[in-house]
Amino acid sequence: MAFVIVIVVIIIIGIVGLVIIGLRNPQLSDQRLINSRLEEFNERGEKANLEKIELSQPFMERVVYPLARSFGTLAIRFTPQNALQSTSKKLELAGTPAQLDPTMFLAAQGLSAILFGVFILFLFSRIGSDWPLGRRLLVIIASFVIGFFIPQIFLGSAITRRQKNIRRALPDALDLLTICVEAGLGFDAALAKVSEKWTSELSLAFARVIQEIQLGKLRREALRDMAERVGIPELTSFVAAVIQSELLGVSMAKVLRIQSDQMRIKRRQHAEEEAHKAPIKMLIPMGLLIFPSLMIVLLTPAALKLMHSSLGNMFK
């Protein structure tokens, strides 16, 4: 049974790997490949036919990549478009960890579900549980579902961590922006200066805004896109204030100073909110870990004395 499970896991991993290769590699034009091979044979002065050209290609291009592209096309065809868009949005909010794309992440979810389910099946086969077949099937199906959502949990934690880092760094970044603008730099140059001085998620977001502006995108569109990629209210209000000051001709330094003061107030309020949540969060470890340990330490000596006393002999 264990050997069969190992073979099934290897086959599944191979199929998922082919799907990932097909999704990650762009579609290669067969006509372009044939033309390039013909040019190579013409340069060598050899007479070539189609079969010889096909056999001269590497094994990866001749067998693996076409098979992988067919698997990737099939996977994209059966993947809902809303799921791809939602996953793409979440990956942007998380800062695109490990350069993942939506299809790669969905493939990782499928692989996680399969591996987790096979692991539970392997445990049942080794332990030899006495559970009935219906209960086993229910547990295995639940393990597949849990394994499918495990990458979602990690992605959600990455989004929360990135937003927390950006929220924490935003007031200091606005202070530096204010100083640079008051010293005579333009807003774009001030953003570039902040991205050069720091290495954080916020500085990377500012650097991407500068790159998009240099490529021809309007400043307000680049700033709105940055606010959507981050997804926190503080940055959205900052972007709205900057765009409004640009449209109305208000002093940028004054707007930045007001926004910096507001961000510091919001950061302090958020810290106070987290401090107020701490006692509620501490109830779970205290109730499950600390209190039972205290009860064991305090009541065990008394229980032992009662067992050896005349009161304890009454229950024997």
Protein backbone atom coordinates (compact mmCIF):
# COMPACT_ATOMS: atom_id res chain seq x y z
CA MET A 1 0.00 0.00 0.00
CA ALA A 2 2.83 2.39 0.86
CA PHE A 3 4.56 1.65 -2.46
CA VAL A 4 1.36 2.43 -4.38
CA ILE A 5 0.94 5.71 -2.50
CA VAL A 6 4.54 6.71 -3.31
CA ILE A 7 4.01 5.94 -7.02
CA VAL A 8 0.77 7.97 -7.03
CA VAL A 9 2.51 10.91 -5.35
CA ILE A 10 5.35 10.83 -7.90
CA ILE A 11 2.88 10.78 -10.80
CA ILE A 12 0.87 13.65 -9.32
CA ILE A 13 4.00 15.74 -8.71
CA GLY A 14 5.10 15.11 -12.31
CA ILE A 15 1.73 16.22 -13.69
CA VAL A 16 1.69 19.35 -11.51
CA GLY A 17 5.27 20.11 -12.58
CA LEU A 18 4.26 19.86 -16.23
CA VAL A 19 1.30 22.16 -15.59
CA ILE A 20 3.56 24.70 -13.88
CA ILE A 21 6.07 24.59 -16.76
CA GLY A 22 3.27 25.05 -19.24
CA LEU A 23 1.88 28.00 -17.33
CA ARG A 24 5.22 29.67 -16.65
CA ASN A 25 6.76 29.34 -20.13
CA PRO A 26 5.32 31.52 -22.88
CA GLN A 27 3.81 29.95 -25.93
CA LEU A 28 6.52 29.28 -28.47
CA SER A 29 5.64 29.49 -32.10
CA ASP A 30 6.32 26.24 -33.91
CA GLN A 31 6.79 28.09 -37.19
CA ARG A 32 9.43 30.32 -35.62
CA LEU A 33 11.29 27.28 -34.30
CA ILE A 34 11.20 25.62 -37.69
CA ASN A 35 12.47 28.78 -39.37
CA SER A 36 15.34 29.10 -36.91
CA ARG A 37 16.31 25.46 -37.49
CA LEU A 38 16.18 25.96 -41.25
CA GLU A 39 18.49 28.96 -40.96
CA GLU A 40 20.94 26.90 -38.94
CA PHE A 41 21.00 24.14 -41.55
CA ASN A 42 21.37 26.71 -44.36
CA GLU A 43 24.36 28.25 -42.60
CA ARG A 44 25.94 24.81 -42.32
CA GLY A 45 25.21 24.09 -45.98
CA GLU A 46 23.37 20.86 -45.20
CA LYS A 47 20.25 19.54 -46.85
CA ALA A 48 17.61 19.05 -44.19
CA ASN A 49 14.12 17.69 -44.05
CA LEU A 50 11.41 18.27 -41.47
CA GLU A 51 12.11 15.04 -39.58
CA LYS A 52 15.78 15.87 -39.22
CA ILE A 53 14.95 19.36 -38.02
CA GLU A 54 12.52 17.98 -35.45
CA LEU A 55 15.01 15.41 -34.15
CA SER A 56 17.76 18.01 -33.88
CA GLN A 57 15.86 19.89 -31.19
CA PRO A 58 16.67 19.22 -27.52
CA PHE A 59 14.51 16.74 -25.63
CA MET A 60 12.98 19.48 -23.46
CA GLU A 61 11.79 21.49 -26.47
CA ARG A 62 10.72 18.41 -28.41
CA VAL A 63 8.78 16.49 -25.73
CA VAL A 64 8.57 18.13 -22.31
CA TYR A 65 7.61 21.70 -23.25
CA PRO A 66 4.85 20.75 -25.74
CA LEU A 67 3.37 18.32 -23.21
CA ALA A 68 3.62 20.94 -20.47
CA ARG A 69 1.98 23.59 -22.66
CA SER A 70 -0.92 21.25 -23.37
CA PHE A 71 -1.39 20.64 -19.63
CA GLY A 72 -1.13 24.37 -18.93
CA THR A 73 -3.70 25.22 -21.59
CA LEU A 74 -6.06 22.59 -20.15
CA ALA A 75 -5.60 23.95 -16.61
CA ILE A 76 -6.28 27.55 -17.69
CA ARG A 77 -9.38 26.44 -19.60
CA PHE A 78 -10.94 24.91 -16.47
CA THR A 79 -9.84 27.67 -14.07
CA PRO A 80 -12.51 30.32 -13.40
CA GLN A 81 -11.51 33.82 -14.47
CA ASN A 82 -12.77 35.28 -11.21
CA ALA A 83 -10.46 32.97 -9.27
CA LEU A 84 -7.48 34.10 -11.34
CA GLN A 85 -8.34 37.79 -10.83
CA SER A 86 -8.91 37.36 -7.09
CA THR A 87 -5.64 35.46 -6.68
CA SER A 88 -3.79 38.07 -8.73
CA LYS A 89 -5.17 40.81 -6.47
CA LYS A 90 -4.09 38.96 -3.32
CA LEU A 91 -0.62 38.34 -4.72
CA GLU A 92 -0.25 42.05 -5.45
CA LEU A 93 -1.34 42.89 -1.90
CA ALA A 94 1.28 40.46 -0.60
CA GLY A 95 4.00 42.03 -2.75
CA THR A 96 4.19 39.08 -5.20
CA PRO A 97 6.20 36.72 -2.96
CA ALA A 98 8.72 34.52 -4.82
CA GLN A 99 7.55 36.08 -8.11
CA LEU A 100 4.40 33.95 -8.06
CA ASP A 101 1.70 34.43 -10.65
CA PRO A 102 -1.97 33.37 -10.20
CA THR A 103 -1.66 30.15 -12.17
CA MET A 104 1.46 29.18 -10.22
CA PHE A 105 -0.31 29.82 -6.92
CA LEU A 106 -3.39 27.82 -7.94
CA ALA A 107 -1.12 24.95 -8.98
CA ALA A 108 0.57 25.17 -5.57
CA GLN A 109 -2.85 24.99 -3.91
CA GLY A 110 -3.72 21.85 -5.86
CA LEU A 111 -0.36 20.28 -5.03
CA SER A 112 -0.79 21.14 -1.34
CA ALA A 113 -4.26 19.58 -1.26
CA ILE A 114 -3.03 16.40 -2.94
CA LEU A 115 0.03 16.02 -0.71
CA PHE A 116 -1.92 16.66 2.50
CA GLY A 117 -4.64 14.22 1.49
CA VAL A 118 -2.12 11.54 0.50
CA PHE A 119 -0.30 12.09 3.80
CA ILE A 120 -3.50 11.45 5.77
CA LEU A 121 -4.19 8.38 3.62
CA PHE A 122 -0.67 7.13 4.33
CA LEU A 123 -1.22 7.61 8.08
CA PHE A 124 -4.43 5.59 7.93
CA SER A 125 -2.67 2.81 6.04
CA ARG A 126 0.21 2.68 8.56
CA ILE A 127 -1.76 3.08 11.76
CA GLY A 128 -4.59 0.80 10.73
CA SER A 129 -7.43 2.77 12.21
CA ASP A 130 -10.61 0.97 13.23
CA TRP A 131 -12.80 3.74 11.89
CA PRO A 132 -15.52 2.80 9.40
CA LEU A 133 -15.03 3.55 5.73
CA GLY A 134 -17.46 6.50 5.70
CA ARG A 135 -15.62 8.27 8.49
CA ARG A 136 -12.27 7.66 6.79
CA LEU A 137 -13.54 9.13 3.54
CA LEU A 138 -14.88 12.17 5.41
CA VAL A 139 -11.52 12.77 7.10
CA ILE A 140 -9.62 12.34 3.82
CA ILE A 141 -11.93 14.77 2.00
CA ALA A 142 -11.54 17.26 4.87
CA SER A 143 -7.75 16.87 4.66
CA PHE A 144 -7.86 17.64 0.92
CA VAL A 145 -9.88 20.80 1.63
CA ILE A 146 -7.54 21.87 4.45
CA GLY A 147 -4.49 21.26 2.25
CA PHE A 148 -6.04 23.35 -0.51
CA PHE A 149 -6.48 26.33 1.83
CA ILE A 150 -3.06 26.11 3.52
CA PRO A 151 -1.37 28.33 0.84
CA GLN A 152 -4.25 30.81 1.27
CA ILE A 153 -3.46 31.04 4.99
CA PHE A 154 0.21 31.77 4.29
CA LEU A 155 -0.77 34.32 1.65
CA GLY A 156 -3.13 36.07 4.07
CA SER A 157 -0.41 36.27 6.71
CA ALA A 158 1.99 37.71 4.12
CA ILE A 159 -0.59 40.38 3.20
CA THR A 160 -1.13 41.31 6.85
CA ARG A 161 2.60 41.46 7.54
CA ARG A 162 3.31 43.65 4.52
CA GLN A 163 0.47 46.06 5.32
CA LYS A 164 1.64 46.32 8.93
CA ASN A 165 5.19 47.14 7.83
CA ILE A 166 3.97 49.80 5.40
CA ARG A 167 1.62 51.33 7.99
CA ARG A 168 4.48 51.50 10.49
CA ALA A 169 6.94 53.09 8.04
CA LEU A 170 4.54 55.58 6.46
CA PRO A 171 4.84 58.51 8.97
CA ASP A 172 8.67 58.48 8.86
CA ALA A 173 8.59 58.32 5.07
CA LEU A 174 6.24 61.31 4.94
CA ASP A 175 8.59 63.25 7.25
CA LEU A 176 11.46 62.62 4.87
CA LEU A 177 9.26 63.53 1.91
CA THR A 178 8.33 66.80 3.62
CA ILE A 179 11.95 67.67 4.33
CA CYS A 180 12.98 66.93 0.74
CA VAL A 181 10.12 68.99 -0.74
CA GLU A 182 10.80 71.92 1.60
CA ALA A 183 14.48 71.76 0.61
CA GLY A 184 13.51 72.40 -3.01
CA LEU A 185 13.15 68.95 -4.55
CA GLY A 186 10.15 68.03 -6.66
CA PHE A 187 7.72 65.41 -5.51
CA ASP A 188 9.10 62.75 -7.89
CA ALA A 189 12.66 63.44 -6.80
CA ALA A 190 11.58 63.28 -3.16
CA LEU A 191 9.97 59.87 -3.77
CA ALA A 192 13.18 58.69 -5.43
CA LYS A 193 15.20 59.93 -2.45
CA VAL A 194 13.01 58.01 0.01
CA SER A 195 13.29 54.83 -2.06
CA GLU A 196 17.08 55.22 -2.12
CA LYS A 197 17.51 55.86 1.61
CA TRP A 198 15.38 52.96 2.91
CA THR A 199 14.96 49.31 2.10
CA SER A 200 11.40 48.39 3.00
CA GLU A 201 8.09 47.48 1.40
CA LEU A 202 7.11 51.15 1.25
CA SER A 203 10.36 52.17 -0.45
CA LEU A 204 9.85 49.41 -3.02
CA ALA A 205 6.33 50.71 -3.67
CA PHE A 206 7.71 54.24 -4.15
CA ALA A 207 10.41 52.93 -6.48
CA ARG A 208 7.79 51.22 -8.62
CA VAL A 209 5.83 54.48 -8.83
CA ILE A 210 8.96 56.28 -10.05
CA GLN A 211 9.58 53.60 -12.68
CA GLU A 212 5.99 53.81 -13.94
CA ILE A 213 6.22 57.61 -14.16
CA GLN A 214 9.47 57.35 -16.12
CA LEU A 215 7.77 54.92 -18.50
CA GLY A 216 5.09 57.50 -19.30
CA LYS A 217 2.28 56.86 -16.84
CA LEU A 218 0.65 59.89 -15.23
CA ARG A 219 1.65 60.56 -11.65
CA ARG A 220 -1.87 60.38 -10.25
CA GLU A 221 -2.52 57.07 -12.02
CA ALA A 222 0.75 55.60 -10.72
CA LEU A 223 -0.10 56.74 -7.18
CA ARG A 224 -3.63 55.29 -7.39
CA ASP A 225 -2.23 51.98 -8.61
CA MET A 226 0.23 51.97 -5.69
CA ALA A 227 -2.62 52.56 -3.21
CA GLU A 228 -4.58 49.65 -4.75
CA ARG A 229 -1.54 47.36 -4.58
CA VAL A 230 -1.06 48.11 -0.88
CA GLY A 231 -4.69 48.26 0.25
CA ILE A 232 -4.48 50.26 3.50
CA PRO A 233 -6.69 53.32 4.20
CA GLU A 234 -3.77 55.49 5.36
CA LEU A 235 -1.94 55.26 2.04
CA THR A 236 -5.18 55.74 0.10
CA SER A 237 -5.93 59.00 1.96
CA PHE A 238 -2.33 60.17 1.41
CA VAL A 239 -2.58 59.52 -2.34
CA ALA A 240 -5.94 61.30 -2.50
CA ALA A 241 -4.49 64.34 -0.70
CA VAL A 242 -1.48 64.48 -3.03
CA ILE A 243 -3.64 64.23 -6.15
CA GLN A 244 -6.02 66.90 -4.86
CA SER A 245 -3.15 69.28 -4.03
CA GLU A 246 -1.74 68.75 -7.52
CA LEU A 247 -5.08 69.54 -9.14
CA LEU A 248 -5.86 72.58 -6.97
CA GLY A 249 -2.34 74.01 -6.85
CA VAL A 250 -1.96 73.80 -3.06
CA SER A 251 1.52 73.79 -1.54
CA MET A 252 2.82 70.23 -1.58
CA ALA A 253 5.02 70.75 1.50
CA LYS A 254 2.05 71.90 3.59
CA VAL A 255 -0.06 68.93 2.48
CA LEU A 256 2.74 66.50 3.25
CA ARG A 257 3.26 67.97 6.74
CA ILE A 258 -0.46 67.69 7.53
CA GLN A 259 -0.53 64.12 6.24
CA SER A 260 2.53 63.23 8.31
CA ASP A 261 0.89 64.52 11.50
CA GLN A 262 -2.29 62.60 10.72
CA MET A 263 -0.36 59.40 10.01
CA ARG A 264 1.40 59.65 13.36
CA ILE A 265 -1.93 60.07 15.13
CA LYS A 266 -3.36 57.07 13.27
CA ARG A 267 -0.29 54.97 14.07
CA ARG A 268 -0.63 55.82 17.77
CA GLN A 269 -4.34 54.99 17.70
CA HIS A 270 -3.63 51.69 15.98
CA ALA A 271 -1.00 50.85 18.63
CA GLU A 272 -3.50 51.65 21.39
CA GLU A 273 -6.09 49.44 19.70
CA GLU A 274 -3.63 46.55 19.55
CA ALA A 275 -2.75 47.10 23.23
CA HIS A 276 -6.44 46.91 24.16
CA LYS A 277 -6.75 43.61 22.28
CA ALA A 278 -3.81 42.07 24.14
CA PRO A 279 -5.73 41.01 27.33
CA ILE A 280 -8.38 39.25 25.24
CA LYS A 281 -5.72 37.43 23.21
CA MET A 282 -3.91 36.38 26.40
CA LEU A 283 -6.99 34.58 27.72
CA ILE A 284 -6.52 31.64 25.33
CA PRO A 285 -2.94 30.67 26.38
CA MET A 286 -3.73 31.44 30.01
CA GLY A 287 -6.84 29.25 30.02
CA LEU A 288 -5.27 26.38 28.06
CA LEU A 289 -1.68 26.38 29.34
CA ILE A 290 -1.01 28.51 32.42
CA PHE A 291 -4.09 27.83 34.57
CA PRO A 292 -4.00 24.01 34.16
CA SER A 293 -0.30 24.01 35.06
CA LEU A 294 -0.96 26.11 38.16
CA MET A 295 -3.82 23.84 39.19
CA ILE A 296 -1.59 20.75 38.84
CA VAL A 297 1.24 22.33 40.83
CA LEU A 298 -1.01 23.66 43.61
CA LEU A 299 -3.53 20.84 43.97
CA THR A 300 -1.34 17.76 43.47
CA PRO A 301 0.22 17.85 46.96
CA ALA A 302 -3.20 18.31 48.55
CA ALA A 303 -4.64 15.46 46.49
CA LEU A 304 -1.79 13.14 47.54
CA LYS A 305 -2.32 13.97 51.22
CA LEU A 306 -6.04 13.30 50.89
CA MET A 307 -5.36 9.94 49.23
CA HIS A 308 -3.21 8.82 52.19
CA SER A 309 -5.54 10.20 54.84
CA SER A 310 -8.57 8.57 56.44
CA LEU A 311 -10.80 10.44 54.01
CA GLY A 312 -9.06 8.75 51.13
CA ASN A 313 -9.49 5.31 52.72
CA MET A 314 -13.25 5.80 52.65
CA PHE A 315 -13.25 5.61 48.83
CA LYS A 316 -11.15 2.46 48.60
